[in-house]
Structure formats: C-alpha cells, structure tokens
C-alpha atoms as a PDB file:
ATOM      1  CA  MET A   1      72.571  62.812  72.888  1.00  0.00           C
ATOM      2  CA  LEU A   2      72.040  65.789  70.599  1.00  0.00           C
ATOM      3  CA  GLU A   3      71.406  63.757  67.431  1.00  0.00           C
ATOM      4  CA  TRP A   4      67.732  64.723  67.591  1.00  0.00           C
ATOM      5  CA  PHE A   5      68.727  68.413  67.479  1.00  0.00           C
ATOM      6  CA  SER A   6      70.681  67.982  64.235  1.00  0.00           C
ATOM      7  CA  THR A   7      67.661  66.318  62.596  1.00  0.00           C
ATOM      8  CA  LEU A   8      65.509  69.429  63.147  1.00  0.00           C
ATOM      9  CA  SER A   9      65.053  72.173  60.575  1.00  0.00           C
ATOM     10  CA  ILE A  10      66.977  75.406  61.163  1.00  0.00           C
ATOM     11  CA  LEU A  11      63.792  77.191  62.304  1.00  0.00           C
ATOM     12  CA  GLU A  12      62.965  74.444  64.801  1.00  0.00           C
ATOM     13  CA  GLN A  13      66.535  74.641  66.124  1.00  0.00           C
ATOM     14  CA  ILE A  14      66.174  78.417  66.557  1.00  0.00           C
ATOM     15  CA  LEU A  15      62.838  77.959  68.367  1.00  0.00           C
ATOM     16  CA  TRP A  16      64.344  75.360  70.710  1.00  0.00           C
ATOM     17  CA  VAL A  17      67.324  77.603  71.526  1.00  0.00           C
ATOM     18  CA  VAL A  18      65.084  80.664  72.094  1.00  0.00           C
ATOM     19  CA  SER A  19      62.716  78.625  74.267  1.00  0.00           C
ATOM     20  CA  ILE A  20      65.397  77.096  76.460  1.00  0.00           C
ATOM     21  CA  VAL A  21      67.541  80.235  76.827  1.00  0.00           C
ATOM     22  CA  PHE A  22      64.665  82.563  77.655  1.00  0.00           C
ATOM     23  CA  THR A  23      63.036  80.042  79.996  1.00  0.00           C
ATOM     24  CA  VAL A  24      66.289  79.816  81.975  1.00  0.00           C
ATOM     25  CA  ILE A  25      66.560  83.639  82.056  1.00  0.00           C
ATOM     26  CA  PHE A  26      62.908  83.937  83.107  1.00  0.00           C
ATOM     27  CA  PHE A  27      63.292  81.448  85.967  1.00  0.00           C
ATOM     28  CA  TYR A  28      66.457  83.249  87.081  1.00  0.00           C
ATOM     29  CA  GLN A  29      64.501  86.524  87.151  1.00  0.00           C
ATOM     30  CA  ILE A  30      61.695  84.957  89.171  1.00  0.00           C
ATOM     31  CA  LEU A  31      64.135  83.454  91.688  1.00  0.00           C
ATOM     32  CA  SER A  32      66.110  86.682  92.035  1.00  0.00           C
ATOM     33  CA  THR A  33      62.872  88.628  92.568  1.00  0.00           C
ATOM     34  CA  LEU A  34      61.781  86.224  95.305  1.00  0.00           C
ATOM     35  CA  LEU A  35      65.164  86.106  97.017  1.00  0.00           C
ATOM     36  CA  LYS A  36      66.029  89.796  96.983  1.00  0.00           C
ATOM     37  CA  ARG A  37      63.707  91.805  99.136  1.00  0.00           C
ATOM     38  CA  THR A  38      64.473  95.317  97.955  1.00  0.00           C
ATOM     39  CA  ALA A  39      62.180  97.853  96.408  1.00  0.00           C
ATOM     40  CA  GLY A  40      61.633  97.381  92.672  1.00  0.00           C
ATOM     41  CA  LYS A  41      61.662  99.990  89.959  1.00  0.00           C
ATOM     42  CA  TYR A  42      58.916 102.572  90.179  1.00  0.00           C
ATOM     43  CA  ARG A  43      56.337 102.070  87.449  1.00  0.00           C
ATOM     44  CA  ASN A  44      53.009 103.805  87.506  1.00  0.00           C
ATOM     45  CA  SER A  45      51.257 102.658  84.341  1.00  0.00           C
ATOM     46  CA  LEU A  46      50.056  99.382  82.944  1.00  0.00           C
ATOM     47  CA  PHE A  47      51.951 100.174  79.721  1.00  0.00           C
ATOM     48  CA  ALA A  48      55.261 100.363  81.630  1.00  0.00           C
ATOM     49  CA  PHE A  49      54.638  96.922  83.126  1.00  0.00           C
ATOM     50  CA  PHE A  50      53.767  95.498  79.682  1.00  0.00           C
ATOM     51  CA  PHE A  51      57.204  96.344  78.263  1.00  0.00           C
ATOM     52  CA  ALA A  52      59.242  95.389  81.323  1.00  0.00           C
ATOM     53  CA  PHE A  53      62.292  93.184  80.679  1.00  0.00           C
ATOM     54  CA  LYS A  54      60.758  90.349  82.702  1.00  0.00           C
ATOM     55  CA  ASN A  55      57.640  90.487  80.549  1.00  0.00           C
ATOM     56  CA  ILE A  56      59.613  90.473  77.288  1.00  0.00           C
ATOM     57  CA  THR A  57      61.606  87.491  78.535  1.00  0.00           C
ATOM     58  CA  ALA A  58      58.347  85.696  79.367  1.00  0.00           C
ATOM     59  CA  PHE A  59      57.005  86.550  75.898  1.00  0.00           C
ATOM     60  CA  LEU A  60      60.008  85.031  74.138  1.00  0.00           C
ATOM     61  CA  SER A  61      59.863  81.940  76.338  1.00  0.00           C
ATOM     62  CA  MET A  62      56.128  81.424  75.734  1.00  0.00           C
ATOM     63  CA  PHE A  63      56.473  82.225  72.020  1.00  0.00           C
ATOM     64  CA  GLY A  64      59.132  79.548  71.604  1.00  0.00           C
ATOM     65  CA  TRP A  65      57.353  76.805  73.540  1.00  0.00           C
ATOM     66  CA  VAL A  66      53.924  77.428  71.980  1.00  0.00           C
ATOM     67  CA  SER A  67      55.418  77.573  68.481  1.00  0.00           C
ATOM     68  CA  ILE A  68      57.268  74.284  69.059  1.00  0.00           C
ATOM     69  CA  ALA A  69      54.117  72.651  70.440  1.00  0.00           C
ATOM     70  CA  SER A  70      52.096  73.879  67.446  1.00  0.00           C
ATOM     71  CA  ILE A  71      54.639  72.513  64.973  1.00  0.00           C
ATOM     72  CA  TYR A  72      54.561  69.119  66.688  1.00  0.00           C
ATOM     73  CA  GLN A  73      50.756  69.152  66.594  1.00  0.00           C
ATOM     74  CA  GLY A  74      50.903  69.333  62.801  1.00  0.00           C
ATOM     75  CA  PHE A  75      50.284  73.034  62.161  1.00  0.00           C
ATOM     76  CA  ASN A  76      52.245  74.635  59.335  1.00  0.00           C
ATOM     77  CA  LEU A  77      55.103  76.987  60.134  1.00  0.00           C
ATOM     78  CA  THR A  78      53.223  80.275  59.617  1.00  0.00           C
ATOM     79  CA  THR A  79      50.278  79.169  61.758  1.00  0.00           C
ATOM     80  CA  SER A  80      52.626  77.890  64.470  1.00  0.00           C
ATOM     81  CA  LEU A  81      54.483  81.216  64.610  1.00  0.00           C
ATOM     82  CA  LEU A  82      51.207  83.178  64.726  1.00  0.00           C
ATOM     83  CA  ILE A  83      49.907  80.980  67.545  1.00  0.00           C
ATOM     84  CA  GLY A  84      53.250  81.464  69.351  1.00  0.00           C
ATOM     85  CA  VAL A  85      53.083  85.260  69.005  1.00  0.00           C
ATOM     86  CA  LEU A  86      49.459  85.273  70.170  1.00  0.00           C
ATOM     87  CA  GLY A  87      50.320  83.072  73.182  1.00  0.00           C
ATOM     88  CA  GLY A  88      53.247  85.341  74.071  1.00  0.00           C
ATOM     89  CA  ILE A  89      51.143  88.496  73.832  1.00  0.00           C
ATOM     90  CA  VAL A  90      48.386  86.967  75.977  1.00  0.00           C
ATOM     91  CA  LEU A  91      50.988  86.000  78.603  1.00  0.00           C
ATOM     92  CA  MET A  92      52.487  89.513  78.528  1.00  0.00           C
ATOM     93  CA  GLY A  93      49.039  91.018  79.020  1.00  0.00           C
ATOM     94  CA  VAL A  94      48.178  88.748  81.930  1.00  0.00           C
ATOM     95  CA  MET A  95      51.566  89.300  83.611  1.00  0.00           C
ATOM     96  CA  SER A  96      51.465  93.081  83.194  1.00  0.00           C
ATOM     97  CA  VAL A  97      47.985  93.247  84.751  1.00  0.00           C
ATOM     98  CA  LEU A  98      49.139  91.040  87.642  1.00  0.00           C
ATOM     99  CA  PHE A  99      52.338  93.077  88.198  1.00  0.00           C
ATOM    100  CA  TYR A 100      50.348  96.325  88.036  1.00  0.00           C
ATOM    101  CA  PHE A 101      47.793  95.267  90.646  1.00  0.00           C
ATOM    102  CA  VAL A 102      50.418  93.714  92.938  1.00  0.00           C
ATOM    103  CA  TYR A 103      52.324  97.003  92.727  1.00  0.00           C
ATOM    104  CA  LYS A 104      49.157  98.961  93.570  1.00  0.00           C
ATOM    105  CA  ILE A 105      48.537  96.716  96.579  1.00  0.00           C
ATOM    106  CA  LYS A 106      52.131  97.223  97.775  1.00  0.00           C
ATOM    107  CA  GLU A 107      51.860 100.973  97.185  1.00  0.00           C
ATOM    108  CA  SER A 108      48.709 101.274  99.296  1.00  0.00           C
ATOM    109  CA  TYR A 109      50.176  99.197 102.130  1.00  0.00           C
ATOM    110  CA  ARG A 110      49.996 101.001 105.457  1.00  0.00           C
ATOM    111  CA  PRO A 111      51.960  99.414 108.270  1.00  0.00           C
ATOM    112  CA  GLU A 112      50.506  99.215 111.754  1.00  0.00           C
ATOM    113  CA  VAL A 113      51.587 102.297 113.686  1.00  0.00           C
ATOM    114  CA  PRO A 114      52.773 100.506 116.867  1.00  0.00           C
ATOM    115  CA  LYS A 115      55.107  98.306 114.791  1.00  0.00           C
ATOM    116  CA  ILE A 116      56.917 101.241 113.216  1.00  0.00           C
ATOM    117  CA  MET A 117      57.164 103.645 116.140  1.00  0.00           C
ATOM    118  CA  ASN A 118      60.822 104.280 117.019  1.00  0.00           C
ATOM    119  CA  SER A 119      61.973 102.322 113.954  1.00  0.00           C
ATOM    120  CA  THR A 120      65.160 103.602 112.374  1.00  0.00           C
ATOM    121  CA  GLY A 121      66.029 104.192 108.755  1.00  0.00           C
ATOM    122  CA  GLU A 122      67.769 106.512 106.354  1.00  0.00           C
ATOM    123  CA  VAL A 123      66.743 109.553 104.332  1.00  0.00           C
ATOM    124  CA  ILE A 124      66.982 108.962 100.583  1.00  0.00           C
ATOM    125  CA  SER A 125      65.606 112.312  99.386  1.00  0.00           C
ATOM    126  CA  PHE A 126      65.752 115.753 101.025  1.00  0.00           C
ATOM    127  CA  ILE A 127      63.170 116.540 103.752  1.00  0.00           C
ATOM    128  CA  GLY A 128      62.431 120.190 104.538  1.00  0.00           C
ATOM    129  CA  ALA A 129      62.420 121.584 108.083  1.00  0.00           C
ATOM    130  CA  LYS A 130      59.114 121.999 109.957  1.00  0.00           C
ATOM    131  CA  ARG A 131      57.112 120.037 107.376  1.00  0.00           C
ATOM    132  CA  SER A 132      58.046 122.428 104.575  1.00  0.00           C
ATOM    133  CA  SER A 133      58.692 119.688 102.019  1.00  0.00           C
ATOM    134  CA  LEU A 134      58.005 116.017 101.633  1.00  0.00           C
ATOM    135  CA  GLY A 135      60.898 113.588 101.219  1.00  0.00           C
ATOM    136  CA  LYS A 136      61.499 109.857 101.156  1.00  0.00           C
ATOM    137  CA  ILE A 137      63.015 107.481 103.693  1.00  0.00           C
ATOM    138  CA  LYS A 138      64.206 103.885 103.510  1.00  0.00           C
ATOM    139  CA  ILE A 139      63.031 101.811 106.463  1.00  0.00           C
ATOM    140  CA  HIS A 140      62.594  98.124 107.353  1.00  0.00           C
ATOM    141  CA  ILE A 141      58.978  97.183 108.095  1.00  0.00           C
ATOM    142  CA  ASP A 142      58.051  93.569 108.865  1.00  0.00           C
ATOM    143  CA  GLY A 143      61.475  92.460 107.651  1.00  0.00           C
ATOM    144  CA  VAL A 144      61.116  94.138 104.257  1.00  0.00           C
ATOM    145  CA  GLN A 145      62.856  97.321 103.187  1.00  0.00           C
ATOM    146  CA  LYS A 146      60.288  99.958 102.170  1.00  0.00           C
ATOM    147  CA  ILE A 147      60.581 103.420 100.713  1.00  0.00           C
ATOM    148  CA  MET A 148      58.058 105.705 102.369  1.00  0.00           C
ATOM    149  CA  GLU A 149      57.178 109.406 102.252  1.00  0.00           C
ATOM    150  CA  ALA A 150      58.241 111.430 105.261  1.00  0.00           C
ATOM    151  CA  MET A 151      58.239 114.906 106.839  1.00  0.00           C
ATOM    152  CA  THR A 152      59.830 116.329 109.949  1.00  0.00           C
ATOM    153  CA  ASP A 153      59.021 118.778 112.737  1.00  0.00           C
ATOM    154  CA  PHE A 154      62.775 119.284 113.229  1.00  0.00           C
ATOM    155  CA  GLU A 155      64.205 122.839 113.091  1.00  0.00           C
ATOM    156  CA  HIS A 156      66.621 122.063 110.228  1.00  0.00           C
ATOM    157  CA  ASP A 157      66.425 120.394 106.832  1.00  0.00           C
ATOM    158  CA  ILE A 158      67.349 116.701 106.788  1.00  0.00           C
ATOM    159  CA  LEU A 159      69.716 115.697 103.996  1.00  0.00           C
ATOM    160  CA  GLU A 160      70.114 112.421 102.108  1.00  0.00           C
ATOM    161  CA  GLY A 161      71.999 109.741 104.011  1.00  0.00           C
ATOM    162  CA  THR A 162      70.948 110.996 107.452  1.00  0.00           C
ATOM    163  CA  LYS A 163      69.943 108.275 109.897  1.00  0.00           C
ATOM    164  CA  ILE A 164      66.454 108.865 111.307  1.00  0.00           C
ATOM    165  CA  ARG A 165      63.893 107.549 113.787  1.00  0.00           C
ATOM    166  CA  VAL A 166      60.125 107.414 113.190  1.00  0.00           C
ATOM    167  CA  GLU A 167      58.191 109.603 115.622  1.00  0.00           C
ATOM    168  CA  SER A 168      54.651 109.107 114.281  1.00  0.00           C
ATOM    169  CA  VAL A 169      52.540 108.534 111.191  1.00  0.00           C
ATOM    170  CA  THR A 170      49.894 110.918 109.881  1.00  0.00           C
ATOM    171  CA  SER A 171      46.384 109.762 108.970  1.00  0.00           C
ATOM    172  CA  THR A 172      47.454 109.875 105.303  1.00  0.00           C
ATOM    173  CA  GLY A 173      50.376 107.500 105.931  1.00  0.00           C
ATOM    174  CA  ILE A 174      53.198 110.074 105.871  1.00  0.00           C
ATOM    175  CA  PHE A 175      55.939 109.320 108.380  1.00  0.00           C
ATOM    176  CA  ILE A 176      56.991 112.050 110.808  1.00  0.00           C
ATOM    177  CA  ILE A 177      60.677 111.521 111.517  1.00  0.00           C
ATOM    178  CA  LYS A 178      63.498 112.934 113.595  1.00  0.00           C
ATOM    179  CA  PRO A 179      67.235 112.668 112.851  1.00  0.00           C
ATOM    180  CA  LEU A 180      69.278 110.455 115.145  1.00  0.00           C
ATOM    181  CA  GLN A 181      71.850 112.400 117.168  1.00  0.00           C
END
C-alpha cells in the first residue's frame, strides 16, 4: 500500500508527512473547540491571533498541501515551496481576522437581563465591597459558561471561589451580584 510513498523524493515525503500530521492536528483542534464550551484565552490584538497555535497548525497544513499540489502541477521545487508559504500566510491572515472579529462579537455580547436575573455563578477575581472595585465572575448564560465583569453592593469584599447570585445588570453590562448565604 505504501509503495507510492517510497517512490517519492525525500522532500515530497516530508511534505506529505507535514501535510497529513498537521491536518489531523488542525481538525482535532477544530473539533475540541466546537465540543468544549469554555472561555478561550484572552487575546486583544490581531497580532496575537495571527501567531496562535491553531493558526500555525493551519499554516503548516496549508503549506504542505499547496506545495504538494504545486509540485504535481509541474512547478519546480522552489516555486512550489514559495506558493505553499504564500498560501499558508494568506490562510493565517484570513483566520486571524476571522478569530479577531468573532472574539470582538463575543466580547460585546450582552445577555438579556430577564434571562440572567437570579442566575448563580462563582467569583474568579476579587470584588470590592460597595462597588469599590470591579472583579470577574464565571456564570452560565444560555448554556455557555461566560466570564463577566461584576461589582457588589454587599458590605464586605467577595473573594475568589465564592458562590454568587446575580441581582441586576448596569446599563454598561456590569453585573451586580450578591454572595449566596
């Protein structure tokens, strides 16, 4: 079955291995992203999305397949590798722009207030008493775990790990919470 592989040049063998391995890794990353519904890493610039591991994996996958296709279309080795690099960079650019704008859409998401009233969650960063400092909470909204900014009107500071209940939401989207007793 693998006789065809042994007839290839060493560079073609390397391109086939890179293409197949990184395509499998890339599809695994896509599936794991779709199946796990937790908050991703915080990135705030297009540059950070460009050099994400998922993007580099996609680059190597695209580079391999485009280079192989170019070789089989009769291009010389140097031209095929340049076309592969160019195809990989274009894919990285497109993916980083898509990831960036999807992240911005998710970041600006404001849940409907009636849906979140009396929802429960957990504090993941310190929240100061009587709205003295802003903190973060982890809460399930529409079946998805979200990390949101929160404050409290409570008399005492609320520490990490404390279970909370949402009392209200300000006009700027900051949750007002109260610790569960």
